Amino acid sequence: MTDSIYRKPKTVTAPKGRLEIVEVLWDGGAGGTSVIKCTWDGNEGLGMRWNGFEGMPLGNPTSHDHPTWFILPDFMKYPTLAWVEEQKAKVSKE
């Protein structure tokens, strides 16, 4: 469930009871950023977090020693989705 270097996005489920991961849109790996499509309090949303790395495997944000997601405000959804598409295009060219 936990990678020794960082938590995989699908395994970060906090805050429990308020968040449900629908799809991992981007996993930037150790030291990178992850973005998810989710439901937050029953509403569609996007979540983001900075992945951990060796020595700080929980990443950021965290709460009470558990990795959590930051739910993006509506005005950040489209720029974030555009960024995810740019990242995927870069990877496909490599």
C-alpha atoms as a PDB file:
ATOM      1  CA  MET A   1       0.000   0.000   0.000  1.00  0.00           C
ATOM      2  CA  THR A   2       2.806   2.439   0.806  1.00  0.00           C
ATOM      3  CA  ASP A   3       5.850   2.946  -1.365  1.00  0.00           C
ATOM      4  CA  SER A   4       9.032   3.343   0.675  1.00  0.00           C
ATOM      5  CA  ILE A   5       9.670   6.720  -1.008  1.00  0.00           C
ATOM      6  CA  TYR A   6       6.182   8.252  -1.257  1.00  0.00           C
ATOM      7  CA  ARG A   7       2.483   7.491  -0.935  1.00  0.00           C
ATOM      8  CA  LYS A   8       0.791   6.565  -4.191  1.00  0.00           C
ATOM      9  CA  PRO A   9      -2.159   8.918  -4.845  1.00  0.00           C
ATOM     10  CA  LYS A  10      -4.760   6.129  -4.819  1.00  0.00           C
ATOM     11  CA  THR A  11      -3.739   5.242  -1.238  1.00  0.00           C
ATOM     12  CA  VAL A  12      -4.322   8.769   0.104  1.00  0.00           C
ATOM     13  CA  THR A  13      -7.944   8.681   1.221  1.00  0.00           C
ATOM     14  CA  ALA A  14      -8.131  11.456   3.824  1.00  0.00           C
ATOM     15  CA  PRO A  15     -10.156  13.272   4.822  1.00  0.00           C
ATOM     16  CA  LYS A  16     -12.235  10.147   5.292  1.00  0.00           C
ATOM     17  CA  GLY A  17     -15.970  10.498   4.954  1.00  0.00           C
ATOM     18  CA  ARG A  18     -15.690  13.646   2.840  1.00  0.00           C
ATOM     19  CA  LEU A  19     -13.562  12.515  -0.103  1.00  0.00           C
ATOM     20  CA  GLU A  20     -13.914   9.791  -2.708  1.00  0.00           C
ATOM     21  CA  ILE A  21     -11.273   9.409  -5.419  1.00  0.00           C
ATOM     22  CA  VAL A  22     -12.895   9.001  -8.834  1.00  0.00           C
ATOM     23  CA  GLU A  23      -9.701   8.937 -10.918  1.00  0.00           C
ATOM     24  CA  VAL A  24      -6.002   9.700 -10.537  1.00  0.00           C
ATOM     25  CA  LEU A  25      -5.375  12.232 -13.307  1.00  0.00           C
ATOM     26  CA  TRP A  26      -1.661  12.699 -12.677  1.00  0.00           C
ATOM     27  CA  ASP A  27       0.967  11.031 -10.493  1.00  0.00           C
ATOM     28  CA  GLY A  28       4.221  12.937 -10.722  1.00  0.00           C
ATOM     29  CA  GLY A  29       6.118  10.332  -8.721  1.00  0.00           C
ATOM     30  CA  ALA A  30       8.442  10.903  -5.788  1.00  0.00           C
ATOM     31  CA  GLY A  31       8.972  14.613  -5.197  1.00  0.00           C
ATOM     32  CA  GLY A  32       6.299  15.534  -7.768  1.00  0.00           C
ATOM     33  CA  THR A  33       2.656  16.537  -7.712  1.00  0.00           C
ATOM     34  CA  SER A  34      -0.496  14.425  -7.939  1.00  0.00           C
ATOM     35  CA  VAL A  35      -3.942  15.492  -9.131  1.00  0.00           C
ATOM     36  CA  ILE A  36      -7.192  13.563  -8.689  1.00  0.00           C
ATOM     37  CA  LYS A  37     -10.752  13.866  -9.879  1.00  0.00           C
ATOM     38  CA  CYS A  38     -12.899  13.362  -6.789  1.00  0.00           C
ATOM     39  CA  THR A  39     -16.145  13.926  -5.030  1.00  0.00           C
ATOM     40  CA  TRP A  40     -15.876  16.187  -2.018  1.00  0.00           C
ATOM     41  CA  ASP A  41     -18.916  16.357   0.243  1.00  0.00           C
ATOM     42  CA  GLY A  42     -20.913  14.944  -2.677  1.00  0.00           C
ATOM     43  CA  ASN A  43     -19.705  17.547  -5.211  1.00  0.00           C
ATOM     44  CA  GLU A  44     -17.330  16.975  -8.138  1.00  0.00           C
ATOM     45  CA  GLY A  45     -13.906  18.437  -7.606  1.00  0.00           C
ATOM     46  CA  LEU A  46     -10.186  18.220  -8.148  1.00  0.00           C
ATOM     47  CA  GLY A  47      -7.682  17.444  -5.442  1.00  0.00           C
ATOM     48  CA  MET A  48      -3.961  18.114  -5.467  1.00  0.00           C
ATOM     49  CA  ARG A  49      -1.031  17.238  -3.258  1.00  0.00           C
ATOM     50  CA  TRP A  50       2.730  17.234  -3.334  1.00  0.00           C
ATOM     51  CA  ASN A  51       4.059  13.705  -3.256  1.00  0.00           C
ATOM     52  CA  GLY A  52       6.587  12.777  -0.689  1.00  0.00           C
ATOM     53  CA  PHE A  53      10.134  11.664  -1.258  1.00  0.00           C
ATOM     54  CA  GLU A  54      12.724   9.696   0.627  1.00  0.00           C
ATOM     55  CA  GLY A  55      12.873  11.115   4.143  1.00  0.00           C
ATOM     56  CA  MET A  56       9.405  12.747   3.822  1.00  0.00           C
ATOM     57  CA  PRO A  57       7.186   9.968   2.427  1.00  0.00           C
ATOM     58  CA  LEU A  58       3.852  11.472   3.517  1.00  0.00           C
ATOM     59  CA  GLY A  59       4.145  14.495   1.246  1.00  0.00           C
ATOM     60  CA  ASN A  60       2.038  17.586   1.767  1.00  0.00           C
ATOM     61  CA  PRO A  61      -0.581  18.367   2.973  1.00  0.00           C
ATOM     62  CA  THR A  62      -0.883  16.099   5.991  1.00  0.00           C
ATOM     63  CA  SER A  63      -3.132  16.048   9.023  1.00  0.00           C
ATOM     64  CA  HIS A  64      -2.331  14.165  12.223  1.00  0.00           C
ATOM     65  CA  ASP A  65       0.421  12.185  10.453  1.00  0.00           C
ATOM     66  CA  HIS A  66      -1.870  11.152   7.569  1.00  0.00           C
ATOM     67  CA  PRO A  67      -1.448  12.348   3.984  1.00  0.00           C
ATOM     68  CA  THR A  68      -4.447  14.353   2.745  1.00  0.00           C
ATOM     69  CA  TRP A  69      -5.673  16.160  -0.368  1.00  0.00           C
ATOM     70  CA  PHE A  70      -6.105  19.873  -0.946  1.00  0.00           C
ATOM     71  CA  ILE A  71      -9.392  20.454  -2.798  1.00  0.00           C
ATOM     72  CA  LEU A  72      -8.937  23.092  -5.466  1.00  0.00           C
ATOM     73  CA  PRO A  73     -11.299  26.054  -5.674  1.00  0.00           C
ATOM     74  CA  ASP A  74     -13.461  26.164  -8.812  1.00  0.00           C
ATOM     75  CA  PHE A  75     -11.381  28.880 -10.506  1.00  0.00           C
ATOM     76  CA  MET A  76      -8.316  26.578 -10.400  1.00  0.00           C
ATOM     77  CA  LYS A  77      -9.972  23.531 -12.007  1.00  0.00           C
ATOM     78  CA  TYR A  78      -9.491  24.405 -15.679  1.00  0.00           C
ATOM     79  CA  PRO A  79      -5.899  25.693 -15.362  1.00  0.00           C
ATOM     80  CA  THR A  80      -5.031  22.536 -13.418  1.00  0.00           C
ATOM     81  CA  LEU A  81      -6.641  20.250 -16.013  1.00  0.00           C
ATOM     82  CA  ALA A  82      -4.701  22.095 -18.745  1.00  0.00           C
ATOM     83  CA  TRP A  83      -1.480  21.579 -16.776  1.00  0.00           C
ATOM     84  CA  VAL A  84      -2.233  17.851 -16.403  1.00  0.00           C
ATOM     85  CA  GLU A  85      -2.733  17.554 -20.179  1.00  0.00           C
ATOM     86  CA  GLU A  86       0.590  19.364 -20.790  1.00  0.00           C
ATOM     87  CA  GLN A  87       2.373  16.938 -18.464  1.00  0.00           C
ATOM     88  CA  LYS A  88       0.822  13.919 -20.186  1.00  0.00           C
ATOM     89  CA  ALA A  89       1.847  15.305 -23.595  1.00  0.00           C
ATOM     90  CA  LYS A  90       5.443  15.753 -22.394  1.00  0.00           C
ATOM     91  CA  VAL A  91       5.568  12.165 -21.140  1.00  0.00           C
ATOM     92  CA  SER A  92       4.149  10.779 -24.378  1.00  0.00           C
ATOM     93  CA  LYS A  93       6.896  12.569 -26.368  1.00  0.00           C
ATOM     94  CA  GLU A  94       9.686  11.058 -24.260  1.00  0.00           C
END
